Amino acid sequence: MKTKSKNMPSLKTDKAAADFVASADLSHYDLSGFKPMTFEIEPKSAAINLRLPPSLLHALKNRAKAKGIPYTRYVRMLLETDLAKPST
């Protein structure tokens, strides 16, 4: 008998997430929407200065906000994603 998958609860803190994972049977939850996540562990000691048209900066900030991350992190993610691709 197949059981219906439950939706994941909204977990607001790391402690809430750790408590949930420690006590829940994750096989009962729909995890199909989950995506791999990377953590920024490497220290950032180098900097760049970038001049952009205001419209591009505004669009960049809006996209980052929609993803729920700071726009500087979003720029770093874009660079990392592009550089991870094989060069042509």
N, C-alpha and C. Protein backbone atom coordinates (compact mmCIF):
# COMPACT_ATOMS: atom_id res chain seq x y z
N MET A 1 0.84 -1.18 0.00
CA MET A 1 0.00 0.00 0.00
C MET A 1 0.88 1.24 0.00
N LYS A 2 0.70 2.10 -0.99
CA LYS A 2 1.52 3.29 -1.10
C LYS A 2 0.92 4.41 -0.26
N THR A 3 1.77 5.07 0.55
CA THR A 3 1.29 6.17 1.36
C THR A 3 1.49 7.47 0.61
N LYS A 4 0.63 8.42 0.88
CA LYS A 4 0.71 9.72 0.21
C LYS A 4 1.90 10.50 0.76
N SER A 5 2.67 11.13 -0.14
CA SER A 5 3.81 11.93 0.27
C SER A 5 3.33 13.21 0.94
N LYS A 6 4.02 13.58 2.01
CA LYS A 6 3.70 14.81 2.72
C LYS A 6 4.57 15.93 2.18
N ASN A 7 4.07 17.17 2.30
CA ASN A 7 4.88 18.32 1.97
C ASN A 7 5.82 18.62 3.13
N MET A 8 7.00 19.12 2.79
CA MET A 8 7.97 19.46 3.83
C MET A 8 7.47 20.67 4.62
N PRO A 9 7.63 20.66 5.94
CA PRO A 9 7.25 21.83 6.73
C PRO A 9 8.25 22.96 6.51
N SER A 10 7.84 24.16 6.79
CA SER A 10 8.74 25.31 6.71
C SER A 10 9.54 25.37 8.00
N LEU A 11 10.85 25.30 7.88
CA LEU A 11 11.73 25.29 9.05
C LEU A 11 12.50 26.60 9.08
N LYS A 12 12.32 27.37 10.13
CA LYS A 12 12.85 28.74 10.17
C LYS A 12 14.27 28.83 10.73
N THR A 13 14.73 27.81 11.45
CA THR A 13 16.05 27.89 12.06
C THR A 13 16.82 26.60 11.80
N ASP A 14 18.14 26.66 11.95
CA ASP A 14 18.96 25.46 11.81
C ASP A 14 18.58 24.43 12.86
N LYS A 15 18.26 24.87 14.08
CA LYS A 15 17.89 23.95 15.14
C LYS A 15 16.58 23.23 14.79
N ALA A 16 15.61 23.98 14.26
CA ALA A 16 14.34 23.37 13.87
C ALA A 16 14.57 22.33 12.78
N ALA A 17 15.45 22.63 11.83
CA ALA A 17 15.75 21.68 10.76
C ALA A 17 16.45 20.45 11.31
N ALA A 18 17.42 20.65 12.19
CA ALA A 18 18.14 19.51 12.78
C ALA A 18 17.20 18.63 13.59
N ASP A 19 16.32 19.25 14.38
CA ASP A 19 15.34 18.48 15.18
C ASP A 19 14.40 17.70 14.27
N PHE A 20 13.95 18.33 13.19
CA PHE A 20 13.04 17.66 12.26
C PHE A 20 13.71 16.45 11.62
N VAL A 21 14.92 16.64 11.11
CA VAL A 21 15.63 15.55 10.43
C VAL A 21 15.93 14.41 11.40
N ALA A 22 16.22 14.75 12.65
CA ALA A 22 16.54 13.73 13.65
C ALA A 22 15.32 12.87 14.01
N SER A 23 14.12 13.44 13.87
CA SER A 23 12.95 12.70 14.34
C SER A 23 11.99 12.26 13.23
N ALA A 24 12.11 12.80 12.03
CA ALA A 24 11.14 12.49 10.96
C ALA A 24 11.60 11.34 10.09
N ASP A 25 10.64 10.62 9.54
CA ASP A 25 10.92 9.60 8.54
C ASP A 25 10.81 10.28 7.19
N LEU A 26 11.96 10.65 6.60
CA LEU A 26 11.97 11.43 5.38
C LEU A 26 11.41 10.67 4.17
N SER A 27 11.27 9.36 4.27
CA SER A 27 10.71 8.59 3.16
C SER A 27 9.24 8.91 2.95
N HIS A 28 8.59 9.57 3.90
CA HIS A 28 7.18 9.94 3.78
C HIS A 28 6.99 11.32 3.16
N TYR A 29 8.08 12.00 2.81
CA TYR A 29 8.00 13.37 2.31
C TYR A 29 8.40 13.44 0.85
N ASP A 30 7.78 14.37 0.15
CA ASP A 30 8.10 14.60 -1.27
C ASP A 30 9.33 15.48 -1.34
N LEU A 31 10.46 14.90 -1.74
CA LEU A 31 11.72 15.63 -1.82
C LEU A 31 12.09 15.96 -3.27
N SER A 32 11.14 15.79 -4.19
CA SER A 32 11.44 15.96 -5.61
C SER A 32 11.80 17.40 -5.97
N GLY A 33 11.37 18.37 -5.20
CA GLY A 33 11.67 19.76 -5.51
C GLY A 33 12.99 20.24 -4.95
N PHE A 34 13.68 19.40 -4.21
CA PHE A 34 14.94 19.81 -3.60
C PHE A 34 16.03 19.90 -4.66
N LYS A 35 16.93 20.86 -4.49
CA LYS A 35 18.04 21.05 -5.41
C LYS A 35 19.35 20.99 -4.62
N PRO A 36 20.43 20.56 -5.26
CA PRO A 36 21.72 20.55 -4.57
C PRO A 36 22.09 21.97 -4.11
N MET A 37 22.78 22.04 -3.01
CA MET A 37 23.15 23.33 -2.44
C MET A 37 24.64 23.32 -2.14
N THR A 38 25.28 24.43 -2.41
CA THR A 38 26.69 24.55 -2.06
C THR A 38 26.83 25.58 -0.95
N PHE A 39 27.82 25.40 -0.13
CA PHE A 39 28.07 26.31 0.97
C PHE A 39 29.33 27.09 0.70
N GLU A 40 29.30 28.37 1.00
CA GLU A 40 30.45 29.23 0.77
C GLU A 40 31.39 29.15 1.97
N ILE A 41 32.40 28.30 1.85
CA ILE A 41 33.32 28.08 2.96
C ILE A 41 34.64 28.80 2.73
N GLU A 42 35.07 28.86 1.48
CA GLU A 42 36.35 29.48 1.17
C GLU A 42 36.32 30.97 1.50
N PRO A 43 37.36 31.47 2.19
CA PRO A 43 37.38 32.90 2.53
C PRO A 43 37.46 33.76 1.27
N LYS A 44 36.85 34.92 1.34
CA LYS A 44 36.87 35.85 0.22
C LYS A 44 37.78 37.01 0.57
N SER A 45 38.97 37.03 0.01
CA SER A 45 39.91 38.09 0.34
C SER A 45 40.25 38.97 -0.86
N ALA A 46 39.85 38.57 -2.06
CA ALA A 46 40.08 39.38 -3.25
C ALA A 46 38.80 40.11 -3.60
N ALA A 47 38.93 41.28 -4.21
CA ALA A 47 37.76 42.08 -4.56
C ALA A 47 37.88 42.59 -5.98
N ILE A 48 36.73 42.86 -6.58
CA ILE A 48 36.69 43.50 -7.89
C ILE A 48 35.76 44.70 -7.81
N ASN A 49 35.99 45.67 -8.65
CA ASN A 49 35.11 46.83 -8.76
C ASN A 49 34.50 46.77 -10.15
N LEU A 50 33.19 46.81 -10.24
CA LEU A 50 32.51 46.60 -11.50
C LEU A 50 31.54 47.74 -11.76
N ARG A 51 31.63 48.37 -12.89
CA ARG A 51 30.69 49.44 -13.26
C ARG A 51 29.63 48.83 -14.18
N LEU A 52 28.37 49.04 -13.82
CA LEU A 52 27.24 48.51 -14.57
C LEU A 52 26.24 49.62 -14.85
N PRO A 53 25.47 49.48 -15.92
CA PRO A 53 24.35 50.41 -16.12
C PRO A 53 23.34 50.20 -14.98
N PRO A 54 22.71 51.28 -14.53
CA PRO A 54 21.74 51.14 -13.43
C PRO A 54 20.66 50.10 -13.70
N SER A 55 20.20 49.98 -14.93
CA SER A 55 19.14 49.01 -15.24
C SER A 55 19.63 47.57 -15.03
N LEU A 56 20.88 47.30 -15.38
CA LEU A 56 21.43 45.96 -15.18
C LEU A 56 21.59 45.66 -13.70
N LEU A 57 22.08 46.62 -12.94
CA LEU A 57 22.24 46.42 -11.50
C LEU A 57 20.88 46.20 -10.84
N HIS A 58 19.88 46.97 -11.27
CA HIS A 58 18.53 46.82 -10.72
C HIS A 58 17.98 45.42 -11.01
N ALA A 59 18.15 44.96 -12.26
CA ALA A 59 17.68 43.63 -12.64
C ALA A 59 18.41 42.55 -11.84
N LEU A 60 19.71 42.74 -11.66
CA LEU A 60 20.52 41.79 -10.89
C LEU A 60 20.03 41.70 -9.45
N LYS A 61 19.79 42.84 -8.84
CA LYS A 61 19.31 42.87 -7.45
C LYS A 61 17.93 42.23 -7.34
N ASN A 62 17.06 42.49 -8.33
CA ASN A 62 15.72 41.89 -8.30
C ASN A 62 15.78 40.38 -8.42
N ARG A 63 16.64 39.87 -9.30
CA ARG A 63 16.77 38.42 -9.48
C ARG A 63 17.31 37.79 -8.20
N ALA A 64 18.32 38.42 -7.59
CA ALA A 64 18.88 37.89 -6.34
C ALA A 64 17.83 37.90 -5.23
N LYS A 65 17.06 38.97 -5.16
CA LYS A 65 16.01 39.05 -4.14
C LYS A 65 14.98 37.95 -4.32
N ALA A 66 14.62 37.68 -5.58
CA ALA A 66 13.65 36.61 -5.87
C ALA A 66 14.19 35.25 -5.44
N LYS A 67 15.51 35.09 -5.51
CA LYS A 67 16.13 33.84 -5.10
C LYS A 67 16.41 33.82 -3.59
N GLY A 68 16.23 34.96 -2.93
CA GLY A 68 16.41 35.04 -1.48
C GLY A 68 17.87 35.08 -1.05
N ILE A 69 18.73 35.65 -1.90
CA ILE A 69 20.16 35.74 -1.56
C ILE A 69 20.66 37.15 -1.84
N PRO A 70 21.73 37.56 -1.17
CA PRO A 70 22.32 38.88 -1.45
C PRO A 70 22.82 38.94 -2.90
N TYR A 71 22.75 40.13 -3.50
CA TYR A 71 23.11 40.22 -4.92
C TYR A 71 24.58 39.95 -5.17
N THR A 72 25.45 40.25 -4.21
CA THR A 72 26.87 39.95 -4.41
C THR A 72 27.10 38.44 -4.45
N ARG A 73 26.39 37.70 -3.64
CA ARG A 73 26.48 36.24 -3.68
C ARG A 73 25.94 35.71 -5.01
N TYR A 74 24.87 36.33 -5.49
CA TYR A 74 24.30 35.92 -6.77
C TYR A 74 25.31 36.14 -7.91
N VAL A 75 26.00 37.27 -7.91
CA VAL A 75 27.02 37.53 -8.93
C VAL A 75 28.11 36.47 -8.84
N ARG A 76 28.55 36.13 -7.63
CA ARG A 76 29.57 35.10 -7.43
C ARG A 76 29.07 33.75 -7.97
N MET A 77 27.81 33.43 -7.71
CA MET A 77 27.24 32.17 -8.21
C MET A 77 27.23 32.13 -9.74
N LEU A 78 26.88 33.25 -10.37
CA LEU A 78 26.88 33.31 -11.83
C LEU A 78 28.28 33.08 -12.37
N LEU A 79 29.25 33.72 -11.76
CA LEU A 79 30.64 33.54 -12.20
C LEU A 79 31.09 32.10 -12.01
N GLU A 80 30.80 31.53 -10.84
CA GLU A 80 31.22 30.15 -10.57
C GLU A 80 30.56 29.17 -11.52
N THR A 81 29.27 29.39 -11.81
CA THR A 81 28.54 28.50 -12.72
C THR A 81 29.14 28.56 -14.11
N ASP A 82 29.42 29.75 -14.59
CA ASP A 82 29.99 29.89 -15.93
C ASP A 82 31.40 29.29 -16.00
N LEU A 83 32.20 29.52 -14.98
CA LEU A 83 33.57 29.01 -15.00
C LEU A 83 33.63 27.50 -14.80
N ALA A 84 32.59 26.90 -14.26
CA ALA A 84 32.56 25.45 -14.09
C ALA A 84 32.28 24.72 -15.40
N LYS A 85 31.76 25.44 -16.37
CA LYS A 85 31.48 24.84 -17.68
C LYS A 85 32.79 24.64 -18.43
N PRO A 86 32.88 23.62 -19.27
CA PRO A 86 34.09 23.43 -20.06
C PRO A 86 34.27 24.63 -21.00
N SER A 87 35.50 25.06 -21.15
CA SER A 87 35.77 26.18 -22.06
C SER A 87 35.68 25.71 -23.50
N THR A 88 35.27 26.62 -24.35
CA THR A 88 35.10 26.25 -25.77
C THR A 88 36.25 26.76 -26.61
